[in-house]
Amino acid sequence: MMEIRKLQTKYFGEIEYEAGDVIHFPEGLFGFEQEQGFLLLPFDGGGMLCLQSVKTPALAFVALDPFTLKPDYAPELEPSDLKAFGVKETGDLGFYVLCAVKNPVSASTVNLKCPLVIHPETREARQVIMERYEMRHPLAEFGRGEEAAPC
């Protein structure tokens, strides 16, 4: 039986989760190397997710599935990254991109250059760099904007 834990979150108040729900970033996120445990929590509507730190309640990021924004998004991992995850193909992994939410929401940007890569079975994750993409893609570039859920 899994142990139920409680966590005060930035956007959802207090929630309960199981230890097995935590996504582990052994190297942390760029600029947040000490933050190694996160939960992916869905916001209501809009397809946005909250990447909530389990260590720091005030630390949360807005994440999106890059393929819903840009169907031709084609992240390619280095062989060393695939080996670190224990997979043979990039398609065996999940990808999310972080969104810098601004006011108005249409001014928000998405970072396609540094996606979060998550192994769906082990829940181990890393943030990687994709040289062929830019860091700040306006949501409006993807036909998103005002209808996106404000966070």
Protein backbone atom coordinates (compact mmCIF):
# COMPACT_ATOMS: atom_id res chain seq x y z
CA MET A 1 0.00 0.00 0.00
CA MET A 2 1.33 3.41 -0.97
CA GLU A 3 1.80 6.14 1.56
CA ILE A 4 -0.46 9.12 0.98
CA ARG A 5 1.33 12.44 1.34
CA LYS A 6 -0.01 15.97 1.58
CA LEU A 7 1.44 18.93 -0.26
CA GLN A 8 0.62 22.61 -0.27
CA THR A 9 0.71 23.68 -3.93
CA LYS A 10 1.01 27.02 -5.70
CA TYR A 11 -2.24 26.74 -7.70
CA PHE A 12 -4.37 24.00 -6.13
CA GLY A 13 -4.08 24.52 -2.36
CA GLU A 14 -3.41 21.37 -0.37
CA ILE A 15 -3.49 18.11 -2.32
CA GLU A 16 -2.80 14.46 -1.57
CA TYR A 17 -0.49 12.33 -3.67
CA GLU A 18 1.36 9.04 -3.54
CA ALA A 19 5.16 8.77 -3.60
CA GLY A 20 4.84 6.84 -6.88
CA ASP A 21 3.29 9.92 -8.53
CA VAL A 22 6.52 11.92 -8.21
CA ILE A 23 8.57 12.52 -11.34
CA HIS A 24 12.28 12.43 -10.49
CA PHE A 25 14.75 14.82 -12.13
CA PRO A 26 18.14 13.55 -10.82
CA GLU A 27 19.86 16.66 -12.22
CA GLY A 28 17.00 19.04 -11.42
CA LEU A 29 15.80 21.64 -13.91
CA PHE A 30 18.00 24.29 -15.50
CA GLY A 31 18.40 26.97 -12.85
CA PHE A 32 16.71 24.78 -10.23
CA GLU A 33 19.21 21.96 -9.83
CA GLN A 34 18.21 21.31 -6.18
CA GLU A 35 14.58 20.71 -7.18
CA GLN A 36 14.42 17.05 -8.13
CA GLY A 37 10.88 15.91 -7.39
CA PHE A 38 7.78 17.20 -9.20
CA LEU A 39 4.15 16.31 -9.79
CA LEU A 40 2.38 16.90 -13.13
CA LEU A 41 -1.08 18.18 -12.27
CA PRO A 42 -3.72 19.12 -14.86
CA PHE A 43 -5.29 22.57 -14.89
CA ASP A 44 -8.99 22.66 -15.79
CA GLY A 45 -9.30 22.97 -19.58
CA GLY A 46 -6.81 24.43 -22.03
CA GLY A 47 -4.48 21.39 -21.98
CA MET A 48 -2.05 23.09 -19.60
CA LEU A 49 -0.36 21.16 -16.82
CA CYS A 50 1.26 22.32 -13.62
CA LEU A 51 4.76 21.01 -12.88
CA GLN A 52 4.65 21.36 -9.09
CA SER A 53 7.75 20.97 -6.91
CA VAL A 54 7.24 18.57 -4.00
CA LYS A 55 10.05 20.32 -2.08
CA THR A 56 9.10 23.99 -2.54
CA PRO A 57 5.33 24.70 -2.48
CA ALA A 58 5.68 28.11 -4.17
CA LEU A 59 7.62 26.64 -7.11
CA ALA A 60 5.46 25.53 -10.01
CA PHE A 61 5.76 25.80 -13.78
CA VAL A 62 3.15 25.67 -16.52
CA ALA A 63 3.82 22.81 -18.94
CA LEU A 64 2.26 21.82 -22.26
CA ASP A 65 2.38 18.86 -24.61
CA PRO A 66 4.47 20.30 -27.48
CA PHE A 67 2.84 18.04 -30.07
CA THR A 68 -0.60 19.60 -29.47
CA LEU A 69 0.92 23.02 -30.22
CA LYS A 70 3.26 22.02 -33.03
CA PRO A 71 2.41 18.61 -34.56
CA ASP A 72 5.71 18.62 -36.49
CA TYR A 73 7.79 19.12 -33.33
CA ALA A 74 10.55 16.55 -33.69
CA PRO A 75 12.83 16.32 -30.67
CA GLU A 76 15.82 14.07 -31.19
CA LEU A 77 17.81 12.81 -28.24
CA GLU A 78 21.49 11.97 -28.28
CA PRO A 79 22.34 8.24 -28.01
CA SER A 80 23.76 8.93 -24.54
CA ASP A 81 20.39 10.40 -23.45
CA LEU A 82 18.49 7.39 -24.80
CA LYS A 83 20.89 5.09 -22.98
CA ALA A 84 20.48 7.06 -19.74
CA PHE A 85 16.71 6.49 -19.99
CA GLY A 86 17.15 2.84 -20.95
CA VAL A 87 15.19 3.18 -24.21
CA LYS A 88 16.05 2.69 -27.86
CA GLU A 89 13.84 5.38 -29.42
CA THR A 90 12.81 8.95 -28.64
CA GLY A 91 9.18 7.88 -29.16
CA ASP A 92 9.34 5.72 -26.03
CA LEU A 93 9.48 8.88 -23.90
CA GLY A 94 7.07 11.69 -23.01
CA PHE A 95 7.84 15.33 -23.80
CA TYR A 96 6.59 18.53 -22.22
CA VAL A 97 7.60 22.14 -22.74
CA LEU A 98 7.49 24.95 -20.23
CA CYS A 99 5.35 28.01 -20.79
CA ALA A 100 6.21 31.46 -19.47
CA VAL A 101 2.72 32.78 -18.72
CA LYS A 102 2.31 36.51 -19.22
CA ASN A 103 -0.50 39.02 -19.05
CA PRO A 104 -2.19 39.07 -21.49
CA VAL A 105 -2.00 35.32 -22.00
CA SER A 106 -1.45 35.89 -25.74
CA ALA A 107 2.00 37.33 -24.84
CA SER A 108 3.01 34.03 -23.19
CA THR A 109 5.88 32.05 -24.68
CA VAL A 110 6.75 28.36 -24.94
CA ASN A 111 10.28 26.97 -24.67
CA LEU A 112 10.67 24.34 -27.41
CA LYS A 113 14.47 24.34 -27.02
CA CYS A 114 14.61 22.78 -23.53
CA PRO A 115 11.84 20.19 -23.22
CA LEU A 116 11.25 18.02 -20.20
CA VAL A 117 11.72 14.37 -21.14
CA ILE A 118 9.94 11.82 -18.96
CA HIS A 119 10.20 8.04 -19.01
CA PRO A 120 6.55 7.04 -18.48
CA GLU A 121 7.33 3.81 -16.65
CA THR A 122 10.23 4.76 -14.38
CA ARG A 123 9.04 8.38 -13.90
CA GLU A 124 12.66 9.51 -14.30
CA ALA A 125 13.06 12.78 -16.17
CA ARG A 126 15.63 15.17 -17.55
CA GLN A 127 15.55 18.56 -19.17
CA VAL A 128 17.49 18.50 -22.43
CA ILE A 129 18.56 21.02 -25.07
CA MET A 130 17.31 20.80 -28.65
CA GLU A 131 19.65 22.99 -30.70
CA ARG A 132 17.25 23.29 -33.64
CA TYR A 133 14.53 25.08 -31.65
CA GLU A 134 14.26 28.47 -29.98
CA MET A 135 13.54 29.22 -26.33
CA ARG A 136 10.72 31.74 -26.77
CA HIS A 137 7.93 30.84 -29.17
CA PRO A 138 4.85 33.07 -28.67
CA LEU A 139 1.66 31.11 -27.97
CA ALA A 140 0.04 33.18 -30.71
CA GLU A 141 2.40 31.44 -33.17
CA PHE A 142 0.41 28.25 -32.55
CA GLY A 143 -3.02 29.85 -32.70
CA ARG A 144 -3.20 29.84 -28.91
CA GLY A 145 -3.62 32.83 -26.74
CA GLU A 146 -6.67 34.34 -25.16
CA GLU A 147 -8.54 31.03 -24.94
CA ALA A 148 -5.67 29.44 -23.02
CA ALA A 149 -6.33 29.08 -19.32
CA PRO A 150 -4.73 31.83 -17.27
CA CYS A 151 -2.60 30.42 -14.48
